[in-house]
Amino acid sequence: MDKLYKKIPSSTCRKGCYKCCTNIIQYTPSEFKAMGGYEYNEKCSHLKEGKCSIYENRPFVCRIYGASELFKCEDCVPERMLSEEETLELVHQYIQLKKKEESDENLRKQTSGMRK
């Protein structure tokens, strides 16, 4: 997952911007664990005093928001904007990683249940 994250240009949000934190997000099992859980009640549970309290552990969708032609935010300033094609490729890679993690997690749960 880290290799994928490194393909996303860094972005600086203007003070008071947390538009991405008002969307329900998807995440992989490893991202859920890294976040320390996730709850949504009209905003992300990790939004504290207008800032992301898990910034270094935020999931893919939070990283790409504001850095892509497809996920624009007028209050974010990326080092460069990902094109639509680049974004679609990264999303495709992310979906493949997500499917693999979920499959591995399901297999782990099934095997764990058999041992009991």
PDB file of N, CA and C in Angstrom:
ATOM      1  N   MET A   1       0.819  -1.184   0.000  1.00  0.00           N
ATOM      2  CA  MET A   1       0.000   0.000   0.000  1.00  0.00           C
ATOM      3  C   MET A   1       0.870   1.258   0.000  1.00  0.00           C
ATOM      4  N   ASP A   2       1.991   1.211   0.699  1.00  0.00           N
ATOM      5  CA  ASP A   2       2.870   2.386   0.752  1.00  0.00           C
ATOM      6  C   ASP A   2       3.365   2.786  -0.637  1.00  0.00           C
ATOM      7  N   LYS A   3       3.643   1.801  -1.506  1.00  0.00           N
ATOM      8  CA  LYS A   3       4.091   2.113  -2.869  1.00  0.00           C
ATOM      9  C   LYS A   3       3.018   2.897  -3.618  1.00  0.00           C
ATOM     10  N   LEU A   4       1.779   2.508  -3.398  1.00  0.00           N
ATOM     11  CA  LEU A   4       0.666   3.198  -4.043  1.00  0.00           C
ATOM     12  C   LEU A   4       0.534   4.617  -3.490  1.00  0.00           C
ATOM     13  N   TYR A   5       0.622   4.762  -2.184  1.00  0.00           N
ATOM     14  CA  TYR A   5       0.533   6.086  -1.557  1.00  0.00           C
ATOM     15  C   TYR A   5       1.603   7.031  -2.112  1.00  0.00           C
ATOM     16  N   LYS A   6       2.785   6.506  -2.365  1.00  0.00           N
ATOM     17  CA  LYS A   6       3.889   7.350  -2.846  1.00  0.00           C
ATOM     18  C   LYS A   6       3.654   7.889  -4.256  1.00  0.00           C
ATOM     19  N   LYS A   7       2.713   7.287  -4.989  1.00  0.00           N
ATOM     20  CA  LYS A   7       2.394   7.750  -6.336  1.00  0.00           C
ATOM     21  C   LYS A   7       1.445   8.948  -6.319  1.00  0.00           C
ATOM     22  N   ILE A   8       0.903   9.257  -5.154  1.00  0.00           N
ATOM     23  CA  ILE A   8      -0.039  10.370  -5.031  1.00  0.00           C
ATOM     24  C   ILE A   8       0.733  11.624  -4.630  1.00  0.00           C
ATOM     25  N   PRO A   9       0.620  12.694  -5.412  1.00  0.00           N
ATOM     26  CA  PRO A   9       1.327  13.932  -5.058  1.00  0.00           C
ATOM     27  C   PRO A   9       0.863  14.451  -3.695  1.00  0.00           C
ATOM     28  N   SER A  10       1.787  14.999  -2.935  1.00  0.00           N
ATOM     29  CA  SER A  10       1.387  15.573  -1.652  1.00  0.00           C
ATOM     30  C   SER A  10       0.557  16.823  -1.925  1.00  0.00           C
ATOM     31  N   SER A  11      -0.278  17.140  -0.960  1.00  0.00           N
ATOM     32  CA  SER A  11      -1.177  18.263  -1.118  1.00  0.00           C
ATOM     33  C   SER A  11      -1.245  19.034   0.190  1.00  0.00           C
ATOM     34  N   THR A  12      -1.355  20.325   0.083  1.00  0.00           N
ATOM     35  CA  THR A  12      -1.494  21.170   1.261  1.00  0.00           C
ATOM     36  C   THR A  12      -2.907  21.740   1.261  1.00  0.00           C
ATOM     37  N   CYS A  13      -3.577  21.586   2.384  1.00  0.00           N
ATOM     38  CA  CYS A  13      -4.933  22.115   2.515  1.00  0.00           C
ATOM     39  C   CYS A  13      -4.859  23.501   3.140  1.00  0.00           C
ATOM     40  N   ARG A  14      -5.700  24.387   2.647  1.00  0.00           N
ATOM     41  CA  ARG A  14      -5.786  25.707   3.268  1.00  0.00           C
ATOM     42  C   ARG A  14      -6.406  25.560   4.646  1.00  0.00           C
ATOM     43  N   LYS A  15      -6.041  26.426   5.548  1.00  0.00           N
ATOM     44  CA  LYS A  15      -6.540  26.376   6.919  1.00  0.00           C
ATOM     45  C   LYS A  15      -8.066  26.345   6.923  1.00  0.00           C
ATOM     46  N   GLY A  16      -8.611  25.418   7.694  1.00  0.00           N
ATOM     47  CA  GLY A  16     -10.058  25.303   7.812  1.00  0.00           C
ATOM     48  C   GLY A  16     -10.697  24.406   6.769  1.00  0.00           C
ATOM     49  N   CYS A  17      -9.898  23.865   5.865  1.00  0.00           N
ATOM     50  CA  CYS A  17     -10.438  22.969   4.843  1.00  0.00           C
ATOM     51  C   CYS A  17     -10.476  21.550   5.385  1.00  0.00           C
ATOM     52  N   TYR A  18     -11.642  20.958   5.363  1.00  0.00           N
ATOM     53  CA  TYR A  18     -11.776  19.549   5.728  1.00  0.00           C
ATOM     54  C   TYR A  18     -12.948  18.936   4.959  1.00  0.00           C
ATOM     55  N   LYS A  19     -13.123  19.395   3.720  1.00  0.00           N
ATOM     56  CA  LYS A  19     -14.216  18.890   2.878  1.00  0.00           C
ATOM     57  C   LYS A  19     -14.142  17.380   2.697  1.00  0.00           C
ATOM     58  N   CYS A  20     -12.933  16.852   2.557  1.00  0.00           N
ATOM     59  CA  CYS A  20     -12.793  15.409   2.358  1.00  0.00           C
ATOM     60  C   CYS A  20     -13.269  14.634   3.589  1.00  0.00           C
ATOM     61  N   CYS A  21     -13.262  15.264   4.738  1.00  0.00           N
ATOM     62  CA  CYS A  21     -13.652  14.595   5.991  1.00  0.00           C
ATOM     63  C   CYS A  21     -15.158  14.527   6.170  1.00  0.00           C
ATOM     64  N   THR A  22     -15.918  15.060   5.200  1.00  0.00           N
ATOM     65  CA  THR A  22     -17.370  15.028   5.305  1.00  0.00           C
ATOM     66  C   THR A  22     -17.974  13.981   4.368  1.00  0.00           C
ATOM     67  N   ASN A  23     -17.134  13.158   3.780  1.00  0.00           N
ATOM     68  CA  ASN A  23     -17.583  12.083   2.889  1.00  0.00           C
ATOM     69  C   ASN A  23     -17.399  10.730   3.571  1.00  0.00           C
ATOM     70  N   ILE A  24     -18.326   9.816   3.338  1.00  0.00           N
ATOM     71  CA  ILE A  24     -18.142   8.444   3.798  1.00  0.00           C
ATOM     72  C   ILE A  24     -17.042   7.847   2.931  1.00  0.00           C
ATOM     73  N   ILE A  25     -16.123   7.117   3.542  1.00  0.00           N
ATOM     74  CA  ILE A  25     -14.980   6.591   2.790  1.00  0.00           C
ATOM     75  C   ILE A  25     -14.955   5.069   2.763  1.00  0.00           C
ATOM     76  N   GLN A  26     -14.201   4.550   1.805  1.00  0.00           N
ATOM     77  CA  GLN A  26     -13.880   3.127   1.749  1.00  0.00           C
ATOM     78  C   GLN A  26     -12.447   2.974   2.205  1.00  0.00           C
ATOM     79  N   TYR A  27     -12.130   1.784   2.688  1.00  0.00           N
ATOM     80  CA  TYR A  27     -10.784   1.514   3.176  1.00  0.00           C
ATOM     81  C   TYR A  27     -10.544   0.011   3.154  1.00  0.00           C
ATOM     82  N   THR A  28      -9.281  -0.340   3.147  1.00  0.00           N
ATOM     83  CA  THR A  28      -8.901  -1.750   3.206  1.00  0.00           C
ATOM     84  C   THR A  28      -8.812  -2.172   4.671  1.00  0.00           C
ATOM     85  N   PRO A  29      -8.754  -3.474   4.936  1.00  0.00           N
ATOM     86  CA  PRO A  29      -8.561  -3.914   6.320  1.00  0.00           C
ATOM     87  C   PRO A  29      -7.309  -3.318   6.966  1.00  0.00           C
ATOM     88  N   SER A  30      -6.218  -3.227   6.225  1.00  0.00           N
ATOM     89  CA  SER A  30      -4.992  -2.661   6.812  1.00  0.00           C
ATOM     90  C   SER A  30      -5.144  -1.165   7.080  1.00  0.00           C
ATOM     91  N   GLU A  31      -5.876  -0.458   6.222  1.00  0.00           N
ATOM     92  CA  GLU A  31      -6.112   0.968   6.457  1.00  0.00           C
ATOM     93  C   GLU A  31      -7.008   1.159   7.684  1.00  0.00           C
ATOM     94  N   PHE A  32      -8.017   0.319   7.823  1.00  0.00           N
ATOM     95  CA  PHE A  32      -8.896   0.392   8.997  1.00  0.00           C
ATOM     96  C   PHE A  32      -8.077   0.209  10.273  1.00  0.00           C
ATOM     97  N   LYS A  33      -7.191  -0.763  10.250  1.00  0.00           N
ATOM     98  CA  LYS A  33      -6.329  -1.019  11.417  1.00  0.00           C
ATOM     99  C   LYS A  33      -5.396   0.176  11.670  1.00  0.00           C
ATOM    100  N   ALA A  34      -4.791   0.699  10.610  1.00  0.00           N
ATOM    101  CA  ALA A  34      -3.874   1.840  10.758  1.00  0.00           C
ATOM    102  C   ALA A  34      -4.595   3.080  11.285  1.00  0.00           C
ATOM    103  N   MET A  35      -5.866   3.237  10.898  1.00  0.00           N
ATOM    104  CA  MET A  35      -6.646   4.383  11.372  1.00  0.00           C
ATOM    105  C   MET A  35      -7.081   4.218  12.824  1.00  0.00           C
ATOM    106  N   GLY A  36      -7.046   2.984  13.307  1.00  0.00           N
ATOM    107  CA  GLY A  36      -7.548   2.736  14.659  1.00  0.00           C
ATOM    108  C   GLY A  36      -9.067   2.714  14.678  1.00  0.00           C
ATOM    109  N   GLY A  37      -9.649   2.274  13.551  1.00  0.00           N
ATOM    110  CA  GLY A  37     -11.098   2.239  13.422  1.00  0.00           C
ATOM    111  C   GLY A  37     -11.606   3.420  12.629  1.00  0.00           C
ATOM    112  N   TYR A  38     -12.904   3.429  12.383  1.00  0.00           N
ATOM    113  CA  TYR A  38     -13.510   4.511  11.620  1.00  0.00           C
ATOM    114  C   TYR A  38     -15.000   4.535  11.907  1.00  0.00           C
ATOM    115  N   GLU A  39     -15.509   5.695  12.140  1.00  0.00           N
ATOM    116  CA  GLU A  39     -16.948   5.907  12.281  1.00  0.00           C
ATOM    117  C   GLU A  39     -17.308   7.155  11.505  1.00  0.00           C
ATOM    118  N   TYR A  40     -18.515   7.157  10.971  1.00  0.00           N
ATOM    119  CA  TYR A  40     -18.980   8.317  10.214  1.00  0.00           C
ATOM    120  C   TYR A  40     -20.317   8.769  10.783  1.00  0.00           C
ATOM    121  N   ASN A  41     -20.390  10.024  11.145  1.00  0.00           N
ATOM    122  CA  ASN A  41     -21.623  10.638  11.610  1.00  0.00           C
ATOM    123  C   ASN A  41     -21.667  12.054  11.047  1.00  0.00           C
ATOM    124  N   GLU A  42     -21.900  12.123   9.740  1.00  0.00           N
ATOM    125  CA  GLU A  42     -21.865  13.361   8.963  1.00  0.00           C
ATOM    126  C   GLU A  42     -20.466  13.937   8.811  1.00  0.00           C
ATOM    127  N   LYS A  43     -19.477  13.317   9.442  1.00  0.00           N
ATOM    128  CA  LYS A  43     -18.067  13.661   9.254  1.00  0.00           C
ATOM    129  C   LYS A  43     -17.230  12.500   9.788  1.00  0.00           C
ATOM    130  N   CYS A  44     -15.995  12.464   9.403  1.00  0.00           N
ATOM    131  CA  CYS A  44     -15.074  11.415   9.847  1.00  0.00           C
ATOM    132  C   CYS A  44     -14.816  11.538  11.348  1.00  0.00           C
ATOM    133  N   SER A  45     -14.786  10.414  12.017  1.00  0.00           N
ATOM    134  CA  SER A  45     -14.538  10.410  13.462  1.00  0.00           C
ATOM    135  C   SER A  45     -13.126  10.875  13.815  1.00  0.00           C
ATOM    136  N   HIS A  46     -12.237  10.952  12.831  1.00  0.00           N
ATOM    137  CA  HIS A  46     -10.860  11.380  13.081  1.00  0.00           C
ATOM    138  C   HIS A  46     -10.653  12.878  12.858  1.00  0.00           C
ATOM    139  N   LEU A  47     -11.724  13.586  12.499  1.00  0.00           N
ATOM    140  CA  LEU A  47     -11.646  15.036  12.344  1.00  0.00           C
ATOM    141  C   LEU A  47     -11.749  15.664  13.726  1.00  0.00           C
ATOM    142  N   LYS A  48     -10.650  16.259  14.172  1.00  0.00           N
ATOM    143  CA  LYS A  48     -10.578  16.866  15.507  1.00  0.00           C
ATOM    144  C   LYS A  48     -10.147  18.323  15.361  1.00  0.00           C
ATOM    145  N   GLU A  49     -10.968  19.220  15.834  1.00  0.00           N
ATOM    146  CA  GLU A  49     -10.680  20.657  15.784  1.00  0.00           C
ATOM    147  C   GLU A  49     -10.296  21.119  14.375  1.00  0.00           C
ATOM    148  N   GLY A  50     -11.026  20.598  13.379  1.00  0.00           N
ATOM    149  CA  GLY A  50     -10.812  21.004  11.996  1.00  0.00           C
ATOM    150  C   GLY A  50      -9.604  20.393  11.316  1.00  0.00           C
ATOM    151  N   LYS A  51      -8.978  19.387  11.960  1.00  0.00           N
ATOM    152  CA  LYS A  51      -7.790  18.741  11.379  1.00  0.00           C
ATOM    153  C   LYS A  51      -7.909  17.227  11.476  1.00  0.00           C
ATOM    154  N   CYS A  52      -7.196  16.547  10.588  1.00  0.00           N
ATOM    155  CA  CYS A  52      -7.149  15.085  10.602  1.00  0.00           C
ATOM    156  C   CYS A  52      -6.216  14.629  11.723  1.00  0.00           C
ATOM    157  N   SER A  53      -6.765  13.871  12.653  1.00  0.00           N
ATOM    158  CA  SER A  53      -5.954  13.411  13.789  1.00  0.00           C
ATOM    159  C   SER A  53      -5.127  12.170  13.452  1.00  0.00           C
ATOM    160  N   ILE A  54      -5.326  11.612  12.263  1.00  0.00           N
ATOM    161  CA  ILE A  54      -4.561  10.418  11.839  1.00  0.00           C
ATOM    162  C   ILE A  54      -3.881  10.672  10.499  1.00  0.00           C
ATOM    163  N   TYR A  55      -3.500  11.893  10.252  1.00  0.00           N
ATOM    164  CA  TYR A  55      -3.007  12.313   8.946  1.00  0.00           C
ATOM    165  C   TYR A  55      -1.984  11.341   8.351  1.00  0.00           C
ATOM    166  N   GLU A  56      -1.010  10.915   9.105  1.00  0.00           N
ATOM    167  CA  GLU A  56       0.027  10.001   8.586  1.00  0.00           C
ATOM    168  C   GLU A  56      -0.534   8.615   8.271  1.00  0.00           C
ATOM    169  N   ASN A  57      -1.672   8.265   8.862  1.00  0.00           N
ATOM    170  CA  ASN A  57      -2.282   6.943   8.658  1.00  0.00           C
ATOM    171  C   ASN A  57      -3.587   7.011   7.877  1.00  0.00           C
ATOM    172  N   ARG A  58      -3.851   8.124   7.223  1.00  0.00           N
ATOM    173  CA  ARG A  58      -5.100   8.265   6.482  1.00  0.00           C
ATOM    174  C   ARG A  58      -5.115   7.325   5.280  1.00  0.00           C
ATOM    175  N   PRO A  59      -6.302   6.879   4.890  1.00  0.00           N
ATOM    176  CA  PRO A  59      -6.403   5.921   3.778  1.00  0.00           C
ATOM    177  C   PRO A  59      -6.240   6.574   2.397  1.00  0.00           C
ATOM    178  N   PHE A  60      -6.185   5.725   1.407  1.00  0.00           N
ATOM    179  CA  PHE A  60      -5.976   6.120   0.019  1.00  0.00           C
ATOM    180  C   PHE A  60      -6.894   7.258  -0.421  1.00  0.00           C
ATOM    181  N   VAL A  61      -8.197   7.101  -0.205  1.00  0.00           N
ATOM    182  CA  VAL A  61      -9.157   8.089  -0.703  1.00  0.00           C
ATOM    183  C   VAL A  61      -8.905   9.466  -0.100  1.00  0.00           C
ATOM    184  N   CYS A  62      -8.465   9.522   1.140  1.00  0.00           N
ATOM    185  CA  CYS A  62      -8.153  10.808   1.777  1.00  0.00           C
ATOM    186  C   CYS A  62      -6.887  11.411   1.181  1.00  0.00           C
ATOM    187  N   ARG A  63      -5.967  10.559   0.786  1.00  0.00           N
ATOM    188  CA  ARG A  63      -4.702  11.034   0.211  1.00  0.00           C
ATOM    189  C   ARG A  63      -4.887  11.593  -1.200  1.00  0.00           C
ATOM    190  N   ILE A  64      -5.781  10.976  -1.966  1.00  0.00           N
ATOM    191  CA  ILE A  64      -5.938  11.369  -3.374  1.00  0.00           C
ATOM    192  C   ILE A  64      -6.895  12.551  -3.533  1.00  0.00           C
ATOM    193  N   TYR A  65      -7.752  12.763  -2.543  1.00  0.00           N
ATOM    194  CA  TYR A  65      -8.707  13.874  -2.601  1.00  0.00           C
ATOM    195  C   TYR A  65      -7.946  15.204  -2.646  1.00  0.00           C
ATOM    196  N   GLY A  66      -8.284  16.007  -3.624  1.00  0.00           N
ATOM    197  CA  GLY A  66      -7.631  17.309  -3.780  1.00  0.00           C
ATOM    198  C   GLY A  66      -6.362  17.267  -4.613  1.00  0.00           C
ATOM    199  N   ALA A  67      -5.911  16.066  -4.981  1.00  0.00           N
ATOM    200  CA  ALA A  67      -4.687  15.930  -5.778  1.00  0.00           C
ATOM    201  C   ALA A  67      -4.978  15.332  -7.149  1.00  0.00           C
ATOM    202  N   SER A  68      -6.252  15.310  -7.521  1.00  0.00           N
ATOM    203  CA  SER A  68      -6.662  14.659  -8.750  1.00  0.00           C
ATOM    204  C   SER A  68      -7.703  15.479  -9.500  1.00  0.00           C
ATOM    205  N   GLU A  69      -7.650  15.402 -10.801  1.00  0.00           N
ATOM    206  CA  GLU A  69      -8.670  16.049 -11.640  1.00  0.00           C
ATOM    207  C   GLU A  69     -10.061  15.521 -11.296  1.00  0.00           C
ATOM    208  N   LEU A  70     -10.156  14.272 -10.864  1.00  0.00           N
ATOM    209  CA  LEU A  70     -11.449  13.663 -10.553  1.00  0.00           C
ATOM    210  C   LEU A  70     -11.923  13.940  -9.128  1.00  0.00           C
ATOM    211  N   PHE A  71     -11.014  14.306  -8.257  1.00  0.00           N
ATOM    212  CA  PHE A  71     -11.350  14.574  -6.854  1.00  0.00           C
ATOM    213  C   PHE A  71     -10.814  15.949  -6.463  1.00  0.00           C
ATOM    214  N   LYS A  72     -11.305  16.964  -7.142  1.00  0.00           N
ATOM    215  CA  LYS A  72     -10.804  18.322  -6.939  1.00  0.00           C
ATOM    216  C   LYS A  72     -11.337  18.931  -5.653  1.00  0.00           C
ATOM    217  N   CYS A  73     -10.533  19.796  -5.091  1.00  0.00           N
ATOM    218  CA  CYS A  73     -10.935  20.596  -3.941  1.00  0.00           C
ATOM    219  C   CYS A  73     -10.298  21.970  -4.122  1.00  0.00           C
ATOM    220  N   GLU A  74     -11.128  23.002  -4.175  1.00  0.00           N
ATOM    221  CA  GLU A  74     -10.594  24.347  -4.413  1.00  0.00           C
ATOM    222  C   GLU A  74      -9.729  24.843  -3.269  1.00  0.00           C
ATOM    223  N   ASP A  75      -9.790  24.186  -2.108  1.00  0.00           N
ATOM    224  CA  ASP A  75      -8.981  24.611  -0.964  1.00  0.00           C
ATOM    225  C   ASP A  75      -7.706  23.785  -0.784  1.00  0.00           C
ATOM    226  N   CYS A  76      -7.437  22.879  -1.715  1.00  0.00           N
ATOM    227  CA  CYS A  76      -6.220  22.055  -1.644  1.00  0.00           C
ATOM    228  C   CYS A  76      -5.251  22.477  -2.742  1.00  0.00           C
ATOM    229  N   VAL A  77      -3.974  22.468  -2.406  1.00  0.00           N
ATOM    230  CA  VAL A  77      -2.941  22.836  -3.370  1.00  0.00           C
ATOM    231  C   VAL A  77      -1.958  21.657  -3.476  1.00  0.00           C
ATOM    232  N   PRO A  78      -2.147  20.806  -4.504  1.00  0.00           N
ATOM    233  CA  PRO A  78      -1.240  19.668  -4.671  1.00  0.00           C
ATOM    234  C   PRO A  78       0.066  20.096  -5.325  1.00  0.00           C
ATOM    235  N   GLU A  79       1.138  19.302  -5.089  1.00  0.00           N
ATOM    236  CA  GLU A  79       2.410  19.608  -5.751  1.00  0.00           C
ATOM    237  C   GLU A  79       2.242  19.481  -7.256  1.00  0.00           C
ATOM    238  N   ARG A  80       1.334  18.626  -7.685  1.00  0.00           N
ATOM    239  CA  ARG A  80       0.896  18.538  -9.075  1.00  0.00           C
ATOM    240  C   ARG A  80      -0.448  17.824  -9.085  1.00  0.00           C
ATOM    241  N   MET A  81      -1.250  18.078 -10.094  1.00  0.00           N
ATOM    242  CA  MET A  81      -2.577  17.484 -10.191  1.00  0.00           C
ATOM    243  C   MET A  81      -2.494  16.200 -11.008  1.00  0.00           C
ATOM    244  N   LEU A  82      -3.027  15.115 -10.453  1.00  0.00           N
ATOM    245  CA  LEU A  82      -3.098  13.860 -11.199  1.00  0.00           C
ATOM    246  C   LEU A  82      -4.121  14.001 -12.319  1.00  0.00           C
ATOM    247  N   SER A  83      -3.789  13.482 -13.491  1.00  0.00           N
ATOM    248  CA  SER A  83      -4.739  13.507 -14.602  1.00  0.00           C
ATOM    249  C   SER A  83      -5.838  12.475 -14.342  1.00  0.00           C
ATOM    250  N   GLU A  84      -6.877  12.542 -15.136  1.00  0.00           N
ATOM    251  CA  GLU A  84      -7.957  11.559 -15.032  1.00  0.00           C
ATOM    252  C   GLU A  84      -7.415  10.155 -15.254  1.00  0.00           C
ATOM    253  N   GLU A  85      -6.552   9.994 -16.248  1.00  0.00           N
ATOM    254  CA  GLU A  85      -5.991   8.677 -16.561  1.00  0.00           C
ATOM    255  C   GLU A  85      -5.127   8.147 -15.412  1.00  0.00           C
ATOM    256  N   GLU A  86      -4.285   9.004 -14.859  1.00  0.00           N
ATOM    257  CA  GLU A  86      -3.440   8.607 -13.734  1.00  0.00           C
ATOM    258  C   GLU A  86      -4.297   8.205 -12.529  1.00  0.00           C
ATOM    259  N   THR A  87      -5.338   8.989 -12.287  1.00  0.00           N
ATOM    260  CA  THR A  87      -6.226   8.707 -11.163  1.00  0.00           C
ATOM    261  C   THR A  87      -6.910   7.362 -11.337  1.00  0.00           C
ATOM    262  N   LEU A  88      -7.446   7.115 -12.522  1.00  0.00           N
ATOM    263  CA  LEU A  88      -8.134   5.847 -12.786  1.00  0.00           C
ATOM    264  C   LEU A  88      -7.193   4.668 -12.620  1.00  0.00           C
ATOM    265  N   GLU A  89      -5.952   4.816 -13.025  1.00  0.00           N
ATOM    266  CA  GLU A  89      -4.971   3.741 -12.865  1.00  0.00           C
ATOM    267  C   GLU A  89      -4.685   3.497 -11.380  1.00  0.00           C
ATOM    268  N   LEU A  90      -4.509   4.552 -10.611  1.00  0.00           N
ATOM    269  CA  LEU A  90      -4.257   4.398  -9.178  1.00  0.00           C
ATOM    270  C   LEU A  90      -5.471   3.793  -8.467  1.00  0.00           C
ATOM    271  N   VAL A  91      -6.664   4.219  -8.856  1.00  0.00           N
ATOM    272  CA  VAL A  91      -7.888   3.656  -8.262  1.00  0.00           C
ATOM    273  C   VAL A  91      -7.985   2.174  -8.599  1.00  0.00           C
ATOM    274  N   HIS A  92      -7.670   1.815  -9.825  1.00  0.00           N
ATOM    275  CA  HIS A  92      -7.666   0.400 -10.225  1.00  0.00           C
ATOM    276  C   HIS A  92      -6.683  -0.405  -9.372  1.00  0.00           C
ATOM    277  N   GLN A  93      -5.477   0.110  -9.199  1.00  0.00           N
ATOM    278  CA  GLN A  93      -4.484  -0.576  -8.366  1.00  0.00           C
ATOM    279  C   GLN A  93      -4.983  -0.706  -6.928  1.00  0.00           C
ATOM    280  N   TYR A  94      -5.616   0.352  -6.435  1.00  0.00           N
ATOM    281  CA  TYR A  94      -6.143   0.334  -5.072  1.00  0.00           C
ATOM    282  C   TYR A  94      -7.229  -0.727  -4.924  1.00  0.00           C
ATOM    283  N   ILE A  95      -8.135  -0.798  -5.878  1.00  0.00           N
ATOM    284  CA  ILE A  95      -9.213  -1.790  -5.825  1.00  0.00           C
ATOM    285  C   ILE A  95      -8.637  -3.200  -5.820  1.00  0.00           C
ATOM    286  N   GLN A  96      -7.603  -3.434  -6.617  1.00  0.00           N
ATOM    287  CA  GLN A  96      -6.977  -4.761  -6.639  1.00  0.00           C
ATOM    288  C   GLN A  96      -6.362  -5.098  -5.275  1.00  0.00           C
ATOM    289  N   LEU A  97      -5.676  -4.134  -4.669  1.00  0.00           N
ATOM    290  CA  LEU A  97      -5.099  -4.351  -3.337  1.00  0.00           C
ATOM    291  C   LEU A  97      -6.194  -4.579  -2.292  1.00  0.00           C
ATOM    292  N   LYS A  98      -7.274  -3.822  -2.399  1.00  0.00           N
ATOM    293  CA  LYS A  98      -8.396  -3.945  -1.459  1.00  0.00           C
ATOM    294  C   LYS A  98      -9.016  -5.340  -1.565  1.00  0.00           C
ATOM    295  N   LYS A  99      -9.253  -5.799  -2.787  1.00  0.00           N
ATOM    296  CA  LYS A  99      -9.824  -7.138  -2.986  1.00  0.00           C
ATOM    297  C   LYS A  99      -8.919  -8.212  -2.406  1.00  0.00           C
ATOM    298  N   LYS A 100      -7.614  -8.080  -2.626  1.00  0.00           N
ATOM    299  CA  LYS A 100      -6.678  -9.070  -2.105  1.00  0.00           C
ATOM    300  C   LYS A 100      -6.681  -9.077  -0.583  1.00  0.00           C
ATOM    301  N   GLU A 101      -6.626  -7.890   0.023  1.00  0.00           N
ATOM    302  CA  GLU A 101      -6.642  -7.804   1.489  1.00  0.00           C
ATOM    303  C   GLU A 101      -7.933  -8.390   2.065  1.00  0.00           C
ATOM    304  N   GLU A 102      -9.059  -8.083   1.438  1.00  0.00           N
ATOM    305  CA  GLU A 102     -10.339  -8.584   1.933  1.00  0.00           C
ATOM    306  C   GLU A 102     -10.420 -10.101   1.783  1.00  0.00           C
ATOM    307  N   SER A 103      -9.897 -10.604   0.672  1.00  0.00           N
ATOM    308  CA  SER A 103      -9.869 -12.052   0.454  1.00  0.00           C
ATOM    309  C   SER A 103      -8.977 -12.740   1.488  1.00  0.00           C
ATOM    310  N   ASP A 104      -7.795 -12.173   1.705  1.00  0.00           N
ATOM    311  CA  ASP A 104      -6.876 -12.717   2.714  1.00  0.00           C
ATOM    312  C   ASP A 104      -7.501 -12.686   4.103  1.00  0.00           C
ATOM    313  N   GLU A 105      -8.210 -11.600   4.403  1.00  0.00           N
ATOM    314  CA  GLU A 105      -8.863 -11.445   5.711  1.00  0.00           C
ATOM    315  C   GLU A 105      -9.975 -12.481   5.879  1.00  0.00           C
ATOM    316  N   ASN A 106     -10.763 -12.688   4.844  1.00  0.00           N
ATOM    317  CA  ASN A 106     -11.834 -13.694   4.900  1.00  0.00           C
ATOM    318  C   ASN A 106     -11.260 -15.095   5.077  1.00  0.00           C
ATOM    319  N   LEU A 107     -10.186 -15.397   4.362  1.00  0.00           N
ATOM    320  CA  LEU A 107      -9.533 -16.698   4.482  1.00  0.00           C
ATOM    321  C   LEU A 107      -8.985 -16.897   5.891  1.00  0.00           C
ATOM    322  N   ARG A 108      -8.384 -15.845   6.440  1.00  0.00           N
ATOM    323  CA  ARG A 108      -7.852 -15.913   7.792  1.00  0.00           C
ATOM    324  C   ARG A 108      -8.968 -16.196   8.793  1.00  0.00           C
ATOM    325  N   LYS A 109     -10.101 -15.528   8.637  1.00  0.00           N
ATOM    326  CA  LYS A 109     -11.237 -15.730   9.538  1.00  0.00           C
ATOM    327  C   LYS A 109     -11.792 -17.151   9.418  1.00  0.00           C
ATOM    328  N   GLN A 110     -11.877 -17.645   8.183  1.00  0.00           N
ATOM    329  CA  GLN A 110     -12.387 -19.007   7.967  1.00  0.00           C
ATOM    330  C   GLN A 110     -11.475 -20.037   8.599  1.00  0.00           C
ATOM    331  N   THR A 111     -10.172 -19.880   8.409  1.00  0.00           N
ATOM    332  CA  THR A 111      -9.212 -20.837   8.971  1.00  0.00           C
ATOM    333  C   THR A 111      -9.194 -20.743  10.484  1.00  0.00           C
ATOM    334  N   SER A 112      -9.322 -19.541  10.973  1.00  0.00           N
ATOM    335  CA  SER A 112      -9.360 -19.338  12.417  1.00  0.00           C
ATOM    336  C   SER A 112     -10.605 -20.015  13.017  1.00  0.00           C
ATOM    337  N   GLY A 113     -11.732 -19.923  12.329  1.00  0.00           N
ATOM    338  CA  GLY A 113     -12.963 -20.552  12.800  1.00  0.00           C
ATOM    339  C   GLY A 113     -12.898 -22.072  12.778  1.00  0.00           C
ATOM    340  N   MET A 114     -12.129 -22.636  11.871  1.00  0.00           N
ATOM    341  CA  MET A 114     -11.990 -24.088  11.764  1.00  0.00           C
ATOM    342  C   MET A 114     -11.167 -24.661  12.908  1.00  0.00           C
ATOM    343  N   ARG A 115     -10.277 -23.850  13.440  1.00  0.00           N
ATOM    344  CA  ARG A 115      -9.382 -24.326  14.505  1.00  0.00           C
ATOM    345  C   ARG A 115     -10.097 -24.425  15.836  1.00  0.00           C
ATOM    346  N   LYS A 116     -11.217 -23.756  15.982  1.00  0.00           N
ATOM    347  CA  LYS A 116     -11.912 -23.728  17.273  1.00  0.00           C
ATOM    348  C   LYS A 116     -12.684 -24.985  17.532  1.00  0.00           C
TER     349      LYS A 116
END
